[in-house]
Amino acid sequence: MGYRCSPMESNLTILEALAKSKEPLNQYRLRQKTRLAKKTVERAIPKLKTGGWIGVKRVEHRRGPNPSEFYELTDLGRYRVAASSNLCYLARCQEERLGTKLQDFVDKKRIAREVEAERWSQLLREVLLSRKATPGWRLRIDLKADKMGKIHSDISVSRSLSKKREQEIGERAVC
């Protein structure tokens, strides 16, 4: 029987097993390599597939009614493994497999962060300049650096601004 852990830990464990493997793995082989519980693997696989981190390489029909799917990392999954501070010992191998695609992922991620930062700064700027917001509105920005110096952010809004106000801010951010 396998051990249970948080969804994030199980996802990293599965990604690690697929990154180390030279061939695609089915759920049974993933459970053997990771020592995760059957239910943990069964719950993690659909999330990793819909997230685009793993893909089905091939399907084999064996005993029983259900076919056996064999999984491998997608390019996005390789990028996630390469970018994960928890799996830094696998990063070099995944970077080599990705080749020039790694820079494309890095560029897209940077652009997405810039757009998000611009959106939040525009919202904050508008509220501070107008001195008006929905009663009870709160914007909380939490930035933390981990042991490696990597920044983790958490941005939350307790109540949204009115729809009209959000549209005005959105139009200004695009211009």
C-alpha atoms as a PDB file:
ATOM      1  CA  MET A   1       0.000   0.000   0.000  1.00  0.00           C
ATOM      2  CA  GLY A   2       1.324   3.447  -0.956  1.00  0.00           C
ATOM      3  CA  TYR A   3       1.592   6.522   1.177  1.00  0.00           C
ATOM      4  CA  ARG A   4      -0.659   9.554   1.064  1.00  0.00           C
ATOM      5  CA  CYS A   5       0.481  13.122   0.704  1.00  0.00           C
ATOM      6  CA  SER A   6      -0.790  16.526  -0.341  1.00  0.00           C
ATOM      7  CA  PRO A   7      -1.913  16.976  -3.959  1.00  0.00           C
ATOM      8  CA  MET A   8       1.052  19.234  -4.673  1.00  0.00           C
ATOM      9  CA  GLU A   9       3.519  16.678  -3.310  1.00  0.00           C
ATOM     10  CA  SER A  10       1.891  13.861  -5.261  1.00  0.00           C
ATOM     11  CA  ASN A  11       1.952  15.901  -8.480  1.00  0.00           C
ATOM     12  CA  LEU A  12       5.658  16.652  -8.007  1.00  0.00           C
ATOM     13  CA  THR A  13       6.357  13.009  -7.218  1.00  0.00           C
ATOM     14  CA  ILE A  14       4.581  11.865 -10.390  1.00  0.00           C
ATOM     15  CA  LEU A  15       6.332  14.511 -12.503  1.00  0.00           C
ATOM     16  CA  GLU A  16       9.653  13.441 -10.998  1.00  0.00           C
ATOM     17  CA  ALA A  17       9.000   9.770 -11.824  1.00  0.00           C
ATOM     18  CA  LEU A  18       8.054  10.617 -15.413  1.00  0.00           C
ATOM     19  CA  ALA A  19      11.094  12.890 -15.769  1.00  0.00           C
ATOM     20  CA  LYS A  20      13.439  10.136 -14.574  1.00  0.00           C
ATOM     21  CA  SER A  21      11.838   7.463 -16.740  1.00  0.00           C
ATOM     22  CA  LYS A  22      13.220   6.735 -20.186  1.00  0.00           C
ATOM     23  CA  GLU A  23       9.876   5.327 -21.333  1.00  0.00           C
ATOM     24  CA  PRO A  24       6.199   6.229 -20.796  1.00  0.00           C
ATOM     25  CA  LEU A  25       4.603   4.842 -17.623  1.00  0.00           C
ATOM     26  CA  ASN A  26       1.076   3.639 -16.911  1.00  0.00           C
ATOM     27  CA  GLN A  27      -0.696   4.155 -13.580  1.00  0.00           C
ATOM     28  CA  TYR A  28       0.482   0.825 -12.194  1.00  0.00           C
ATOM     29  CA  ARG A  29       4.150   1.579 -12.967  1.00  0.00           C
ATOM     30  CA  LEU A  30       3.733   5.117 -11.575  1.00  0.00           C
ATOM     31  CA  ARG A  31       2.419   3.665  -8.314  1.00  0.00           C
ATOM     32  CA  GLN A  32       5.392   1.293  -8.161  1.00  0.00           C
ATOM     33  CA  LYS A  33       7.978   4.001  -8.833  1.00  0.00           C
ATOM     34  CA  THR A  34       6.426   6.665  -6.593  1.00  0.00           C
ATOM     35  CA  ARG A  35       5.016   4.422  -3.853  1.00  0.00           C
ATOM     36  CA  LEU A  36       1.908   6.597  -3.848  1.00  0.00           C
ATOM     37  CA  ALA A  37      -1.514   5.207  -2.950  1.00  0.00           C
ATOM     38  CA  LYS A  38      -3.717   4.040  -5.832  1.00  0.00           C
ATOM     39  CA  LYS A  39      -6.355   6.724  -5.221  1.00  0.00           C
ATOM     40  CA  THR A  40      -3.692   9.439  -5.022  1.00  0.00           C
ATOM     41  CA  VAL A  41      -2.372   8.534  -8.479  1.00  0.00           C
ATOM     42  CA  GLU A  42      -5.890   8.142  -9.876  1.00  0.00           C
ATOM     43  CA  ARG A  43      -6.818  11.644  -8.664  1.00  0.00           C
ATOM     44  CA  ALA A  44      -3.576  13.286  -9.816  1.00  0.00           C
ATOM     45  CA  ILE A  45      -3.477  11.945 -13.389  1.00  0.00           C
ATOM     46  CA  PRO A  46      -6.590  13.765 -14.708  1.00  0.00           C
ATOM     47  CA  LYS A  47      -5.437  17.042 -13.158  1.00  0.00           C
ATOM     48  CA  LEU A  48      -1.984  16.731 -14.691  1.00  0.00           C
ATOM     49  CA  LYS A  49      -3.512  15.809 -18.059  1.00  0.00           C
ATOM     50  CA  THR A  50      -5.964  18.728 -18.127  1.00  0.00           C
ATOM     51  CA  GLY A  51      -3.182  21.060 -16.965  1.00  0.00           C
ATOM     52  CA  GLY A  52      -1.162  19.967 -19.983  1.00  0.00           C
ATOM     53  CA  TRP A  53       1.765  18.706 -17.897  1.00  0.00           C
ATOM     54  CA  ILE A  54       1.494  15.073 -19.009  1.00  0.00           C
ATOM     55  CA  GLY A  55       0.112  13.443 -22.123  1.00  0.00           C
ATOM     56  CA  VAL A  56      -0.912   9.967 -23.221  1.00  0.00           C
ATOM     57  CA  LYS A  57       1.839   8.428 -25.361  1.00  0.00           C
ATOM     58  CA  ARG A  58       0.013   5.200 -26.155  1.00  0.00           C
ATOM     59  CA  VAL A  59      -2.933   3.077 -25.062  1.00  0.00           C
ATOM     60  CA  GLU A  60      -2.740  -0.704 -24.645  1.00  0.00           C
ATOM     61  CA  HIS A  61      -5.712  -3.022 -24.286  1.00  0.00           C
ATOM     62  CA  ARG A  62      -4.952  -5.669 -21.697  1.00  0.00           C
ATOM     63  CA  ARG A  63      -6.999  -7.856 -19.418  1.00  0.00           C
ATOM     64  CA  GLY A  64     -10.228  -6.324 -18.235  1.00  0.00           C
ATOM     65  CA  PRO A  65     -12.503  -3.706 -19.720  1.00  0.00           C
ATOM     66  CA  ASN A  66     -10.297  -0.652 -19.177  1.00  0.00           C
ATOM     67  CA  PRO A  67      -7.396   0.122 -21.501  1.00  0.00           C
ATOM     68  CA  SER A  68      -4.025   1.037 -19.988  1.00  0.00           C
ATOM     69  CA  GLU A  69      -2.782   4.547 -20.808  1.00  0.00           C
ATOM     70  CA  PHE A  70       0.958   5.251 -20.818  1.00  0.00           C
ATOM     71  CA  TYR A  71       1.949   8.788 -19.817  1.00  0.00           C
ATOM     72  CA  GLU A  72       4.927  11.003 -20.551  1.00  0.00           C
ATOM     73  CA  LEU A  73       5.814  14.608 -19.800  1.00  0.00           C
ATOM     74  CA  THR A  74       4.684  17.217 -22.289  1.00  0.00           C
ATOM     75  CA  ASP A  75       6.911  20.182 -23.101  1.00  0.00           C
ATOM     76  CA  LEU A  76       5.002  22.182 -20.491  1.00  0.00           C
ATOM     77  CA  GLY A  77       5.593  19.388 -17.964  1.00  0.00           C
ATOM     78  CA  ARG A  78       9.313  19.384 -18.764  1.00  0.00           C
ATOM     79  CA  TYR A  79       9.342  23.151 -18.273  1.00  0.00           C
ATOM     80  CA  ARG A  80       7.578  22.785 -14.901  1.00  0.00           C
ATOM     81  CA  VAL A  81      10.109  20.182 -13.789  1.00  0.00           C
ATOM     82  CA  ALA A  82      12.974  22.386 -14.996  1.00  0.00           C
ATOM     83  CA  ALA A  83      11.498  25.423 -13.210  1.00  0.00           C
ATOM     84  CA  SER A  84      10.660  23.640  -9.957  1.00  0.00           C
ATOM     85  CA  SER A  85      13.058  24.414  -7.126  1.00  0.00           C
ATOM     86  CA  ASN A  86      12.086  21.086  -5.505  1.00  0.00           C
ATOM     87  CA  LEU A  87      13.344  19.128  -8.530  1.00  0.00           C
ATOM     88  CA  CYS A  88      16.446  21.161  -9.330  1.00  0.00           C
ATOM     89  CA  TYR A  89      18.602  18.031  -9.802  1.00  0.00           C
ATOM     90  CA  LEU A  90      16.414  17.095 -12.802  1.00  0.00           C
ATOM     91  CA  ALA A  91      16.372  20.592 -14.273  1.00  0.00           C
ATOM     92  CA  ARG A  92      19.488  20.284 -16.456  1.00  0.00           C
ATOM     93  CA  CYS A  93      18.247  17.072 -18.113  1.00  0.00           C
ATOM     94  CA  GLN A  94      14.825  18.591 -18.862  1.00  0.00           C
ATOM     95  CA  GLU A  95      16.393  21.797 -20.178  1.00  0.00           C
ATOM     96  CA  GLU A  96      18.439  19.733 -22.629  1.00  0.00           C
ATOM     97  CA  ARG A  97      15.341  17.813 -23.769  1.00  0.00           C
ATOM     98  CA  LEU A  98      13.391  21.032 -24.288  1.00  0.00           C
ATOM     99  CA  GLY A  99      16.164  22.799 -26.169  1.00  0.00           C
ATOM    100  CA  THR A 100      14.996  26.103 -27.654  1.00  0.00           C
ATOM    101  CA  LYS A 101      11.437  25.557 -26.435  1.00  0.00           C
ATOM    102  CA  LEU A 102      12.581  26.341 -22.888  1.00  0.00           C
ATOM    103  CA  GLN A 103      13.314  29.951 -23.823  1.00  0.00           C
ATOM    104  CA  ASP A 104       9.858  30.232 -25.420  1.00  0.00           C
ATOM    105  CA  PHE A 105       8.226  29.043 -22.165  1.00  0.00           C
ATOM    106  CA  VAL A 106      10.359  31.432 -20.113  1.00  0.00           C
ATOM    107  CA  ASP A 107       9.435  34.351 -22.393  1.00  0.00           C
ATOM    108  CA  LYS A 108       5.708  33.533 -22.270  1.00  0.00           C
ATOM    109  CA  LYS A 109       5.812  33.239 -18.483  1.00  0.00           C
ATOM    110  CA  ARG A 110       7.610  36.601 -18.174  1.00  0.00           C
ATOM    111  CA  ILE A 111       5.083  38.300 -20.482  1.00  0.00           C
ATOM    112  CA  ALA A 112       2.179  36.819 -18.494  1.00  0.00           C
ATOM    113  CA  ARG A 113       3.701  38.115 -15.248  1.00  0.00           C
ATOM    114  CA  GLU A 114       4.198  41.560 -16.789  1.00  0.00           C
ATOM    115  CA  VAL A 115       0.563  41.714 -17.942  1.00  0.00           C
ATOM    116  CA  GLU A 116      -0.689  40.608 -14.523  1.00  0.00           C
ATOM    117  CA  ALA A 117       1.570  43.097 -12.717  1.00  0.00           C
ATOM    118  CA  GLU A 118       0.387  45.893 -15.010  1.00  0.00           C
ATOM    119  CA  ARG A 119      -3.256  44.982 -14.378  1.00  0.00           C
ATOM    120  CA  TRP A 120      -2.808  45.012 -10.585  1.00  0.00           C
ATOM    121  CA  SER A 121      -0.741  48.203 -10.586  1.00  0.00           C
ATOM    122  CA  GLN A 122      -3.337  49.935 -12.786  1.00  0.00           C
ATOM    123  CA  LEU A 123      -6.113  48.883 -10.405  1.00  0.00           C
ATOM    124  CA  LEU A 124      -4.135  50.081  -7.386  1.00  0.00           C
ATOM    125  CA  ARG A 125      -3.231  53.351  -9.104  1.00  0.00           C
ATOM    126  CA  GLU A 126      -6.870  54.074  -9.991  1.00  0.00           C
ATOM    127  CA  VAL A 127      -8.130  53.378  -6.486  1.00  0.00           C
ATOM    128  CA  LEU A 128      -5.415  55.473  -4.845  1.00  0.00           C
ATOM    129  CA  LEU A 129      -5.914  58.413  -7.214  1.00  0.00           C
ATOM    130  CA  SER A 130      -9.718  58.426  -7.114  1.00  0.00           C
ATOM    131  CA  ARG A 131      -9.894  57.557  -3.413  1.00  0.00           C
ATOM    132  CA  LYS A 132     -13.086  55.599  -4.198  1.00  0.00           C
ATOM    133  CA  ALA A 133     -13.946  51.912  -4.083  1.00  0.00           C
ATOM    134  CA  THR A 134     -16.827  49.621  -3.183  1.00  0.00           C
ATOM    135  CA  PRO A 135     -17.498  49.720   0.582  1.00  0.00           C
ATOM    136  CA  GLY A 136     -15.475  46.997   2.269  1.00  0.00           C
ATOM    137  CA  TRP A 137     -13.137  46.580  -0.724  1.00  0.00           C
ATOM    138  CA  ARG A 138      -9.681  45.282   0.143  1.00  0.00           C
ATOM    139  CA  LEU A 139      -6.639  44.472  -1.962  1.00  0.00           C
ATOM    140  CA  ARG A 140      -4.018  42.306  -0.281  1.00  0.00           C
ATOM    141  CA  ILE A 141      -0.614  41.737  -1.867  1.00  0.00           C
ATOM    142  CA  ASP A 142       1.729  39.275  -0.192  1.00  0.00           C
ATOM    143  CA  LEU A 143       5.243  38.816  -1.609  1.00  0.00           C
ATOM    144  CA  LYS A 144       7.637  36.315  -0.024  1.00  0.00           C
ATOM    145  CA  ALA A 145      11.094  35.084  -0.973  1.00  0.00           C
ATOM    146  CA  ASP A 146      11.873  31.433  -0.270  1.00  0.00           C
ATOM    147  CA  LYS A 147      15.258  30.043   0.840  1.00  0.00           C
ATOM    148  CA  MET A 148      16.498  30.134  -2.752  1.00  0.00           C
ATOM    149  CA  GLY A 149      15.437  33.769  -3.216  1.00  0.00           C
ATOM    150  CA  LYS A 150      12.535  32.894  -5.524  1.00  0.00           C
ATOM    151  CA  ILE A 151       9.555  35.222  -5.080  1.00  0.00           C
ATOM    152  CA  HIS A 152       6.123  33.761  -4.352  1.00  0.00           C
ATOM    153  CA  SER A 153       3.133  36.071  -4.554  1.00  0.00           C
ATOM    154  CA  ASP A 154      -0.428  35.959  -3.351  1.00  0.00           C
ATOM    155  CA  ILE A 155      -2.801  38.682  -4.494  1.00  0.00           C
ATOM    156  CA  SER A 156      -6.395  38.704  -3.325  1.00  0.00           C
ATOM    157  CA  VAL A 157      -9.334  41.065  -3.514  1.00  0.00           C
ATOM    158  CA  SER A 158     -12.022  40.761  -0.844  1.00  0.00           C
ATOM    159  CA  ARG A 159     -14.714  42.592  -2.831  1.00  0.00           C
ATOM    160  CA  SER A 160     -14.533  43.550  -6.450  1.00  0.00           C
ATOM    161  CA  LEU A 161     -15.065  47.033  -7.771  1.00  0.00           C
ATOM    162  CA  SER A 162     -18.228  47.759  -9.688  1.00  0.00           C
ATOM    163  CA  LYS A 163     -18.370  46.268 -13.204  1.00  0.00           C
ATOM    164  CA  LYS A 164     -18.325  49.725 -14.781  1.00  0.00           C
ATOM    165  CA  ARG A 165     -15.220  50.698 -12.804  1.00  0.00           C
ATOM    166  CA  GLU A 166     -13.418  47.451 -13.717  1.00  0.00           C
ATOM    167  CA  GLN A 167     -14.178  48.032 -17.417  1.00  0.00           C
ATOM    168  CA  GLU A 168     -12.799  51.565 -17.253  1.00  0.00           C
ATOM    169  CA  ILE A 169      -9.600  50.324 -15.631  1.00  0.00           C
ATOM    170  CA  GLY A 170      -9.311  47.450 -18.111  1.00  0.00           C
ATOM    171  CA  GLU A 171      -9.676  49.824 -21.069  1.00  0.00           C
ATOM    172  CA  ARG A 172      -6.958  52.094 -19.679  1.00  0.00           C
ATOM    173  CA  ALA A 173      -4.608  49.158 -19.085  1.00  0.00           C
ATOM    174  CA  VAL A 174      -4.943  48.059 -22.723  1.00  0.00           C
ATOM    175  CA  CYS A 175      -4.208  51.539 -24.104  1.00  0.00           C
END
